[in-house]
């Protein structure tokens, strides 16, 4: 294309940030919903005449631009998973999400915002390479998997076929469990949740109930990677931070409950994959989400795998995911 309406800038990504087997990788900046956002686009190897598009929602990597995947790279396990999509001829677009793109702070868990970001990058990806088709599937892991269940049909510009959600979290029981014992080691995501809520609601003041240590750590985590957050909080317990039973506080409960409800959507097809012993994404919780989607008229497949942990779903489900994707989009 000679004229860009969505793209603002395109730069090659270093090959070490590409999924294995990619034929090209780019960092793009693009106009979306009144802001200039950013993300990555990867193209399959060879010279395909056309490519369906996977728009990918990554797991939690941080709250601000210091952790943007288009700068730091997607997590290794996600790059490995995306290699399979590229090998089957899909182009892959991965939005950085609001906050990671330099626009404020990411509103963790940000389900609705990430769902919008998931679709917002697609027109820009198609401008980057006109061989990319209108045919689009959405996919995501963990935080991104929950958002993929919320992704809405983007309109006439794309032929949206459905979504793959890998280990979508059920946030309310998870945060209830990890804050139930004051002597339990602190999970970094507890403070991430409070930071995200504070960023979207100025009346929410976690400092009013956090300890001095908790408030200092809350301020410190906003620019840190997940690894750095965990290192910072390693010496502390739930009680040390003042987050004992924080999920029972009314504004926190309300925010986590909103993530559970799924809006009616014209999306016709979903594949949901979970690990049997995963406390972040219990199969029973995923089954409830699947029932809600089916009640809204969607075709839903739920697959559960044994013998792995949360992140293992990316490998265990890979063959089933690609079979489903080819059936729906190729």
Protein backbone atom coordinates (compact mmCIF):
# COMPACT_ATOMS: atom_id res chain seq x y z
CA UNK A 1 0.00 0.00 0.00
CA UNK A 2 1.23 3.51 -0.77
CA UNK A 3 -0.91 5.41 1.77
CA UNK A 4 -1.08 4.59 5.47
CA UNK A 5 -4.21 5.42 7.44
CA UNK A 6 -3.50 3.33 10.54
CA UNK A 7 0.29 2.88 10.54
CA UNK A 8 2.49 5.65 11.90
CA UNK A 9 5.91 3.95 11.91
CA UNK A 10 7.53 0.62 11.00
CA UNK A 11 10.94 -0.60 12.24
CA UNK A 12 12.57 -4.02 11.82
CA UNK A 13 12.75 -6.04 15.04
CA UNK A 14 16.04 -7.73 15.96
CA UNK A 15 15.84 -11.40 14.86
CA UNK A 16 16.45 -12.58 18.42
CA UNK A 17 12.96 -11.26 19.28
CA UNK A 18 11.28 -13.26 16.49
CA UNK A 19 9.56 -16.59 17.03
CA UNK A 20 11.64 -19.38 15.48
CA UNK A 21 10.81 -19.85 11.81
CA UNK A 22 9.56 -16.32 11.22
CA UNK A 23 10.46 -14.77 7.89
CA UNK A 24 10.25 -11.21 9.19
CA UNK A 25 9.55 -9.25 12.34
CA UNK A 26 8.57 -5.60 12.79
CA UNK A 27 7.79 -3.14 15.55
CA UNK A 28 4.93 -0.92 14.47
CA UNK A 29 3.35 2.21 15.87
CA UNK A 30 -0.23 2.81 14.80
CA UNK A 31 -3.27 4.96 15.43
CA UNK A 32 -5.97 3.35 17.51
CA UNK A 33 -8.81 4.85 19.55
CA UNK A 34 -7.32 8.32 19.74
CA UNK A 35 -3.80 7.28 20.72
CA UNK A 36 -0.66 6.11 18.95
CA UNK A 37 -0.14 2.56 20.13
CA UNK A 38 2.56 -0.02 19.42
CA UNK A 39 3.04 -3.71 18.83
CA UNK A 40 4.84 -6.42 16.89
CA UNK A 41 4.06 -8.13 13.60
CA UNK A 42 5.68 -11.38 12.46
CA UNK A 43 5.42 -12.89 9.00
CA UNK A 44 5.81 -16.55 8.02
CA UNK A 45 8.89 -17.66 6.12
CA UNK A 46 8.79 -18.07 2.37
CA UNK A 47 6.71 -16.03 -0.04
CA UNK A 48 3.06 -16.88 0.69
CA UNK A 49 0.58 -15.27 -1.66
CA UNK A 50 -1.78 -14.59 1.24
CA UNK A 51 -1.83 -15.03 5.02
CA UNK A 52 -4.66 -15.22 7.55
CA UNK A 53 -3.95 -13.17 10.67
CA UNK A 54 -3.62 -14.24 14.29
CA UNK A 55 -3.93 -11.31 16.66
CA UNK A 56 -2.23 -12.38 19.88
CA UNK A 57 -2.82 -11.19 23.47
CA UNK A 58 0.19 -11.99 25.65
CA UNK A 59 0.30 -12.81 29.35
CA UNK A 60 1.10 -10.16 31.96
CA UNK A 61 4.62 -8.75 31.44
CA UNK A 62 4.50 -5.42 33.29
CA UNK A 63 2.57 -2.21 33.77
CA UNK A 64 4.35 0.39 31.65
CA UNK A 65 6.48 0.92 28.55
CA UNK A 66 9.63 -0.51 30.15
CA UNK A 67 8.18 -4.00 29.59
CA UNK A 68 6.66 -3.53 26.11
CA UNK A 69 6.99 -6.81 24.16
CA UNK A 70 7.71 -4.88 20.96
CA UNK A 71 10.89 -3.64 22.69
CA UNK A 72 11.78 -6.47 25.09
CA UNK A 73 10.28 -9.39 23.17
CA UNK A 74 7.38 -11.67 23.99
CA UNK A 75 7.94 -14.33 26.67
CA UNK A 76 9.97 -17.27 25.36
CA UNK A 77 7.18 -19.81 25.82
CA UNK A 78 4.82 -17.62 23.83
CA UNK A 79 7.33 -17.19 21.00
CA UNK A 80 7.65 -20.98 20.88
CA UNK A 81 3.89 -21.34 20.65
CA UNK A 82 3.60 -18.70 17.93
CA UNK A 83 6.20 -20.51 15.85
CA UNK A 84 3.55 -23.14 15.14
CA UNK A 85 1.12 -20.54 13.83
CA UNK A 86 3.76 -19.06 11.54
CA UNK A 87 4.64 -22.54 10.25
CA UNK A 88 0.98 -22.99 9.27
CA UNK A 89 1.07 -19.78 7.23
CA UNK A 90 -0.44 -17.28 9.67
CA UNK A 91 0.86 -13.77 10.12
CA UNK A 92 0.94 -12.78 13.80
CA UNK A 93 0.17 -9.37 15.29
CA UNK A 94 0.82 -8.77 19.00
CA UNK A 95 -0.35 -5.48 20.48
CA UNK A 96 1.62 -4.08 23.42
CA UNK A 97 -1.62 -3.14 25.32
CA UNK A 98 -2.40 0.27 26.74
CA UNK A 99 0.33 1.36 29.17
CA UNK A 100 2.93 -0.89 27.61
CA UNK A 101 2.56 1.26 24.49
CA UNK A 102 3.57 4.34 26.48
CA UNK A 103 0.02 5.59 27.07
CA UNK A 104 -0.27 5.78 30.85
CA UNK A 105 -0.33 2.67 33.01
CA UNK A 106 -1.75 -0.70 31.98
CA UNK A 107 -5.09 -1.20 33.80
CA UNK A 108 -4.51 -4.74 35.08
CA UNK A 109 -6.37 -7.01 34.66
CA UNK A 110 -7.65 -4.78 31.86
CA UNK A 111 -9.89 -7.38 30.26
CA UNK A 112 -12.02 -5.00 28.22
CA UNK A 113 -9.12 -2.70 27.29
CA UNK A 114 -6.95 -5.61 26.15
CA UNK A 115 -9.85 -7.00 24.11
CA UNK A 116 -10.03 -3.66 22.32
CA UNK A 117 -6.24 -3.60 21.82
CA UNK A 118 -6.42 -7.12 20.42
CA UNK A 119 -8.55 -5.91 17.53
CA UNK A 120 -7.06 -2.43 17.23
CA UNK A 121 -3.77 -3.66 15.81
CA UNK A 122 -5.34 -5.68 12.97
CA UNK A 123 -5.93 -2.91 10.40
CA UNK A 124 -2.38 -1.67 10.92
CA UNK A 125 -0.96 -5.16 10.41
CA UNK A 126 -2.86 -5.43 7.13
CA UNK A 127 -1.42 -2.12 5.99
CA UNK A 128 2.08 -3.36 6.78
CA UNK A 129 1.76 -6.23 4.29
CA UNK A 130 -1.17 -6.32 1.89
CA UNK A 131 -0.86 -10.11 1.60
CA UNK A 132 -2.41 -10.33 5.08
CA UNK A 133 -6.04 -11.29 4.62
CA UNK A 134 -9.19 -9.96 6.24
CA UNK A 135 -9.57 -13.37 7.90
CA UNK A 136 -8.63 -13.01 11.58
CA UNK A 137 -8.47 -15.26 14.62
CA UNK A 138 -7.80 -13.92 18.11
CA UNK A 139 -5.70 -15.82 20.60
CA UNK A 140 -4.21 -15.25 24.01
CA UNK A 141 -2.58 -16.80 27.05
CA UNK A 142 -3.41 -16.17 30.72
CA UNK A 143 -4.33 -12.47 31.05
CA UNK A 144 -4.49 -12.36 27.25
CA UNK A 145 -6.62 -15.51 27.16
CA UNK A 146 -9.27 -13.92 29.37
CA UNK A 147 -9.29 -10.86 27.10
CA UNK A 148 -9.66 -13.05 24.00
CA UNK A 149 -12.99 -14.27 25.40
CA UNK A 150 -14.15 -10.63 25.43
CA UNK A 151 -12.93 -9.71 21.94
CA UNK A 152 -15.78 -8.30 19.88
CA UNK A 153 -16.29 -8.49 16.14
CA UNK A 154 -14.43 -5.47 14.72
CA UNK A 155 -16.84 -4.75 11.86
CA UNK A 156 -16.71 -4.90 8.09
CA UNK A 157 -12.98 -4.28 7.81
CA UNK A 158 -12.15 -7.81 9.04
CA UNK A 159 -13.60 -11.29 8.71
CA UNK A 160 -13.34 -12.32 12.35
CA UNK A 161 -13.61 -16.09 12.83
CA UNK A 162 -13.28 -16.62 16.57
CA UNK A 163 -10.90 -16.87 19.51
CA UNK A 164 -8.51 -19.25 21.28
CA UNK A 165 -8.14 -18.76 25.04
CA UNK A 166 -5.25 -20.59 26.73
CA UNK A 167 -5.55 -20.82 30.54
CA UNK A 168 -7.84 -17.80 30.98
CA UNK A 169 -7.66 -16.81 34.67
CA UNK A 170 -10.53 -16.75 37.11
CA UNK A 171 -9.24 -13.78 39.09
CA UNK A 172 -11.66 -13.73 42.02
CA UNK A 173 -10.90 -17.18 43.50
CA UNK A 174 -7.20 -16.80 42.67
CA UNK A 175 -6.74 -13.54 44.55
CA UNK A 176 -8.98 -14.80 47.35
CA UNK A 177 -6.68 -17.81 47.78
CA UNK A 178 -3.35 -15.99 47.63
CA UNK A 179 -4.40 -13.37 50.20
CA UNK A 180 -6.24 -15.67 52.64
CA UNK A 181 -3.18 -16.37 54.83
CA UNK A 182 -1.27 -13.41 56.26
CA UNK A 183 1.88 -15.53 56.56
CA UNK A 184 1.89 -16.62 52.93
CA UNK A 185 4.67 -15.22 50.69
CA UNK A 186 3.35 -12.22 48.78
CA UNK A 187 2.39 -12.73 45.16
CA UNK A 188 3.50 -9.78 43.01
CA UNK A 189 0.20 -9.82 41.14
CA UNK A 190 -1.59 -8.65 44.29
CA UNK A 191 0.09 -5.25 44.05
CA UNK A 192 -0.24 -5.29 40.26
CA UNK A 193 -3.99 -5.61 40.71
CA UNK A 194 -4.11 -2.68 43.13
CA UNK A 195 -1.96 -0.53 40.83
CA UNK A 196 -4.19 -1.33 37.87
CA UNK A 197 -7.35 -0.52 39.81
CA UNK A 198 -5.90 2.75 41.09
CA UNK A 199 -4.99 3.71 37.54
CA UNK A 200 -8.58 3.43 36.37
CA UNK A 201 -10.37 4.75 39.48
CA UNK A 202 -8.97 7.84 41.18
CA UNK A 203 -11.21 7.25 44.22
CA UNK A 204 -9.55 3.90 44.95
CA UNK A 205 -6.78 4.47 47.51
CA UNK A 206 -4.95 1.26 48.40
CA UNK A 207 -2.51 3.32 50.47
CA UNK A 208 -5.27 3.69 53.06
CA UNK A 209 -5.02 0.00 54.02
CA UNK A 210 -1.52 -1.00 52.91
CA UNK A 211 1.38 -1.00 55.34
CA UNK A 212 4.21 1.44 54.76
CA UNK A 213 6.16 -1.38 53.12
CA UNK A 214 3.17 -2.26 50.94
CA UNK A 215 2.72 1.34 49.81
CA UNK A 216 6.41 1.70 48.99
CA UNK A 217 6.39 -1.54 46.98
CA UNK A 218 3.20 -0.47 45.18
CA UNK A 219 4.94 2.67 43.98
CA UNK A 220 8.08 0.76 43.00
CA UNK A 221 6.50 -1.97 40.84
CA UNK A 222 5.03 0.21 38.11
CA UNK A 223 8.20 0.30 36.00
CA UNK A 224 9.46 -3.20 36.82
CA UNK A 225 9.33 -6.43 34.85
CA UNK A 226 7.59 -9.46 36.38
CA UNK A 227 10.95 -10.95 37.38
CA UNK A 228 11.99 -7.71 39.06
CA UNK A 229 8.65 -7.48 40.88
CA UNK A 230 9.10 -10.97 42.27
CA UNK A 231 12.63 -10.19 43.40
CA UNK A 232 11.43 -7.03 45.15
CA UNK A 233 8.64 -8.84 47.02
CA UNK A 234 10.54 -12.05 47.82
CA UNK A 235 11.29 -11.05 51.45
CA UNK A 236 7.68 -10.17 52.27
CA UNK A 237 4.47 -11.92 53.28
CA UNK A 238 0.86 -11.00 52.59
CA UNK A 239 0.68 -9.52 56.08
CA UNK A 240 3.86 -7.48 55.62
CA UNK A 241 2.20 -5.63 52.73
CA UNK A 242 -1.22 -5.20 54.34
CA UNK A 243 -3.09 -7.20 51.69
CA UNK A 244 -4.54 -9.91 53.93
CA UNK A 245 -7.98 -10.83 52.50
CA UNK A 246 -7.82 -7.87 50.14
CA UNK A 247 -10.05 -9.66 47.61
CA UNK A 248 -12.93 -9.33 50.09
CA UNK A 249 -12.78 -5.52 49.97
CA UNK A 250 -15.81 -4.25 48.07
CA UNK A 251 -14.09 -2.39 45.21
CA UNK A 252 -11.64 -5.26 44.65
CA UNK A 253 -14.39 -7.88 44.65
CA UNK A 254 -16.42 -5.80 42.20
CA UNK A 255 -13.48 -5.36 39.81
CA UNK A 256 -12.65 -9.08 39.83
CA UNK A 257 -16.29 -10.06 39.39
CA UNK A 258 -16.58 -7.86 36.29
CA UNK A 259 -13.78 -9.89 34.69
CA UNK A 260 -15.85 -13.06 35.18
CA UNK A 261 -18.88 -11.89 33.22
CA UNK A 262 -18.74 -12.26 29.45
CA UNK A 263 -20.62 -9.80 27.26
CA UNK A 264 -22.94 -11.04 24.52
CA UNK A 265 -20.91 -11.22 21.34
CA UNK A 266 -21.57 -12.22 17.74
CA UNK A 267 -18.37 -14.28 17.80
CA UNK A 268 -19.33 -17.77 16.68
CA UNK A 269 -16.40 -20.01 17.67
CA UNK A 270 -14.17 -20.42 20.72
CA UNK A 271 -11.51 -22.89 21.78
CA UNK A 272 -10.67 -22.83 25.50
CA UNK A 273 -7.72 -24.86 26.81
CA UNK A 274 -6.85 -25.43 30.47
CA UNK A 275 -4.54 -27.52 32.67
CA UNK A 276 -6.25 -29.86 35.14
CA UNK A 277 -4.26 -28.75 38.20
CA UNK A 278 -3.90 -25.05 37.38
CA UNK A 279 -5.00 -22.79 40.29
CA UNK A 280 -4.92 -19.71 38.05
CA UNK A 281 -7.32 -21.16 35.48
CA UNK A 282 -9.29 -24.00 37.08
CA UNK A 283 -11.08 -26.15 34.48
CA UNK A 284 -14.34 -25.77 36.41
CA UNK A 285 -14.13 -21.98 36.06
CA UNK A 286 -13.36 -22.29 32.35
CA UNK A 287 -16.32 -24.64 31.98
CA UNK A 288 -18.59 -21.96 33.45
CA UNK A 289 -17.26 -19.43 30.96
CA UNK A 290 -17.77 -21.89 28.13
CA UNK A 291 -21.36 -22.49 29.22
CA UNK A 292 -21.97 -18.74 29.24
CA UNK A 293 -20.51 -18.38 25.73
CA UNK A 294 -22.59 -21.31 24.47
CA UNK A 295 -25.66 -19.75 26.05
CA UNK A 296 -24.94 -16.67 23.96
CA UNK A 297 -25.09 -18.84 20.83
CA UNK A 298 -21.40 -19.56 20.24
CA UNK A 299 -19.81 -22.86 19.24
CA UNK A 300 -17.41 -23.67 22.09
CA UNK A 301 -14.79 -26.40 22.51
CA UNK A 302 -13.11 -26.87 25.90
CA UNK A 303 -10.02 -29.07 26.21
CA UNK A 304 -8.32 -29.94 29.49
CA UNK A 305 -4.79 -31.38 29.79
CA UNK A 306 -3.08 -33.29 32.59
CA UNK A 307 0.49 -33.46 33.80
CA UNK A 308 1.51 -29.84 33.51
CA UNK A 309 1.50 -26.43 35.19
CA UNK A 310 0.00 -23.12 34.11
CA UNK A 311 2.51 -22.18 31.40
CA UNK A 312 2.65 -25.71 30.01
CA UNK A 313 -0.69 -25.19 28.29
CA UNK A 314 1.12 -23.36 25.48
CA UNK A 315 2.92 -26.58 24.53
CA UNK A 316 0.34 -29.18 25.51
CA UNK A 317 -2.45 -27.52 23.56
CA UNK A 318 -0.39 -26.49 20.52
CA UNK A 319 -1.46 -29.30 18.18
CA UNK A 320 -5.16 -28.96 19.06
CA UNK A 321 -4.99 -25.19 18.72
CA UNK A 322 -3.49 -25.34 15.24
CA UNK A 323 -5.95 -27.99 14.10
CA UNK A 324 -8.80 -25.79 15.29
CA UNK A 325 -7.26 -22.69 13.69
CA UNK A 326 -6.77 -24.29 10.29
CA UNK A 327 -10.36 -25.59 10.35
CA UNK A 328 -11.73 -22.12 11.08
CA UNK A 329 -9.47 -19.80 9.12
CA UNK A 330 -7.52 -21.54 6.34
